[in-house]
Protein backbone atom coordinates (compact mmCIF):
# COMPACT_ATOMS: atom_id res chain seq x y z
CA MET A 1 -0.21 0.33 -0.31
CA LYS A 2 1.80 3.27 -0.87
CA LEU A 3 1.09 6.45 0.69
CA THR A 4 0.91 9.86 -1.12
CA THR A 5 0.09 13.86 1.09
CA PRO A 6 -1.01 16.21 -1.67
CA VAL A 7 1.86 18.79 -2.39
CA MET A 8 -0.14 22.26 -2.14
CA PRO A 9 1.57 24.52 -4.69
CA GLY A 10 1.51 27.56 -1.38
CA CYS A 11 4.13 25.36 0.18
CA VAL A 12 5.84 24.22 -2.94
CA LEU A 13 6.46 27.84 -3.47
CA PHE A 14 8.03 28.46 0.20
CA LEU A 15 10.05 25.56 -0.12
CA THR A 16 11.44 26.86 -3.27
CA LEU A 17 11.76 30.83 -2.16
CA LEU A 18 13.17 29.63 1.29
CA ILE A 19 16.01 27.49 -0.79
CA ALA A 20 16.44 30.56 -3.06
CA GLY A 21 17.42 32.97 -0.67
CA CYS A 22 19.42 30.51 1.11
CA ALA A 23 21.60 30.58 -2.21
CA SER A 24 21.73 33.67 -3.20
CA THR A 25 23.30 35.06 0.50
CA GLN A 26 25.86 37.30 0.05
CA PRO A 27 28.63 38.02 1.95
CA ARG A 28 29.11 39.69 5.14
CA PRO A 29 31.41 42.86 4.38
CA SER A 30 34.37 42.91 6.75
CA LEU A 31 34.51 44.43 10.05
CA TYR A 32 36.34 46.55 8.41
CA ASP A 33 33.65 48.52 6.28
CA GLU A 34 31.20 48.01 8.32
CA PHE A 35 32.92 50.22 10.80
CA GLY A 36 32.36 52.43 8.06
CA GLN A 37 36.28 52.21 7.48
CA ARG A 38 38.68 55.25 7.68
CA ALA A 39 36.33 57.78 8.08
CA GLY A 40 34.45 55.68 11.04
CA LEU A 41 35.85 54.65 12.94
CA GLY A 42 37.35 57.92 12.67
CA SER A 43 33.92 59.40 13.79
CA LEU A 44 34.52 56.62 16.82
CA VAL A 45 36.98 58.25 17.76
CA ASP A 46 35.58 61.23 18.71
CA GLY A 47 32.02 61.03 19.96
CA LEU A 48 34.44 58.37 22.52
CA ILE A 49 36.83 61.44 23.28
CA LYS A 50 33.80 63.90 23.72
CA ARG A 51 32.57 61.81 25.86
CA ILE A 52 35.22 61.13 28.17
CA HIS A 53 35.47 64.98 28.14
CA ALA A 54 32.10 64.81 29.84
CA ASN A 55 32.33 61.44 32.25
CA GLU A 56 33.33 63.21 34.98
CA LYS A 57 34.03 58.74 36.20
CA ILE A 58 36.50 58.57 33.88
CA ALA A 59 37.72 62.40 32.96
CA PRO A 60 40.70 62.37 35.06
CA LEU A 61 42.23 59.85 33.33
CA PHE A 62 43.11 61.80 30.84
CA SER A 63 43.51 64.85 32.36
CA ASN A 64 47.20 64.70 30.79
CA THR A 65 46.30 63.36 27.85
CA ASP A 66 47.55 65.16 24.37
CA PHE A 67 43.76 63.81 22.89
CA ALA A 68 45.83 64.41 19.41
CA LEU A 69 48.18 61.69 19.96
CA PHE A 70 45.36 59.99 21.28
CA ARG A 71 43.08 60.07 18.84
CA GLN A 72 45.99 58.97 16.55
CA ARG A 73 47.11 56.11 18.56
CA PHE A 74 43.36 54.79 18.92
CA LEU A 75 42.38 55.65 15.92
CA GLU A 76 45.11 52.68 14.48
CA PHE A 77 44.16 50.24 17.31
CA LEU A 78 40.57 50.38 15.92
CA CYS A 79 41.51 50.18 13.09
CA VAL A 80 43.73 47.05 13.08
CA THR A 81 41.73 45.89 15.56
CA VAL A 82 38.77 45.60 12.96
CA ASP A 83 41.54 43.88 10.05
CA GLY A 84 41.38 47.43 8.83
CA PRO A 85 44.63 48.81 6.34
CA CYS A 86 46.38 50.04 9.05
CA THR A 87 49.09 49.24 11.25
CA TYR A 88 49.32 50.46 14.97
CA THR A 89 52.64 52.54 16.06
CA GLY A 90 51.76 53.36 19.59
CA GLU A 91 53.64 51.59 22.24
CA GLU A 92 52.80 48.15 23.73
CA LEU A 93 49.60 48.60 26.19
CA GLU A 94 50.29 47.00 29.27
CA GLU A 95 53.40 49.78 28.76
CA VAL A 96 50.88 52.73 28.46
CA HIS A 97 48.80 51.95 31.81
CA THR A 98 51.57 51.44 33.58
CA GLY A 99 51.24 53.87 36.49
CA MET A 100 47.57 54.96 36.18
CA ASN A 101 45.96 52.05 38.11
CA ILE A 102 42.62 52.17 36.43
CA THR A 103 40.07 50.19 38.04
CA GLU A 104 37.52 47.54 36.75
CA ALA A 105 34.73 50.72 37.37
CA GLU A 106 37.06 52.98 35.24
CA PHE A 107 37.46 50.72 31.74
CA ASN A 108 33.56 49.72 32.10
CA THR A 109 32.40 52.89 32.27
CA LEU A 110 35.07 53.54 29.15
CA VAL A 111 33.67 50.80 27.44
CA GLU A 112 29.60 51.95 27.69
CA ASP A 113 31.08 55.06 26.29
CA LEU A 114 32.34 53.89 23.37
CA ILE A 115 29.57 51.50 23.20
CA ASP A 116 26.96 54.32 23.68
CA VAL A 117 28.94 55.81 20.41
CA MET A 118 28.95 52.92 18.94
CA GLN A 119 24.89 52.19 18.99
CA GLU A 120 24.32 56.26 18.28
CA LEU A 121 26.65 55.87 14.69
CA ALA A 122 24.19 52.87 14.17
CA ILE A 123 26.61 50.53 13.66
CA SER A 124 25.05 47.24 13.62
CA LYS A 125 24.65 44.55 17.80
CA ALA A 126 26.71 42.20 15.21
CA ALA A 127 29.65 44.66 14.66
CA GLN A 128 29.77 45.90 17.88
CA ASN A 129 29.77 42.45 19.27
CA GLU A 130 32.85 41.69 17.42
CA MET A 131 34.22 44.23 18.18
CA LEU A 132 33.87 44.27 22.02
CA LYS A 133 34.86 40.38 21.87
CA ARG A 134 38.09 41.06 20.04
CA LEU A 135 38.63 43.65 22.30
CA ALA A 136 37.79 41.98 25.70
CA PRO A 137 41.70 40.26 25.55
CA THR A 138 43.01 43.86 26.00
CA ARG A 139 41.47 44.40 29.63
CA LYS A 140 44.21 42.91 31.59
CA ASP A 141 47.01 44.99 30.21
CA VAL A 142 44.71 47.95 30.59
CA ILE A 143 43.58 47.77 34.72
CA TYR A 144 45.02 47.36 38.02
CA ARG A 145 48.95 48.09 36.02
């Protein structure tokens, strides 16, 4: 005995579209592209610098900072972090932060400011999460030095 189930035309169409959609998905842009390349990263760094100045919790950590140099080095650092065509020319993070004794709370405040700027710039959650995942290992080189 052979059992057959009639196939509804709508189901066939749905499955065809589903398979076609899966077959033609576009590759995801690079993380560097998702952040708007160098110009977008520059906007991110500029936004973070504004937040640093306005944030009384962390502004004192930057009281002796040459912000033009900070902007250049942090832009390079982020560009490398998102696989952009850049070279980081600054010192090792551990060296830069030695003697600053940055607390975990201060570090987290800066990260929160970075997230806020990424959201203001309408960077996708996926790109934000990937950036944060890549930056997370630097925590050990920054806090309590």
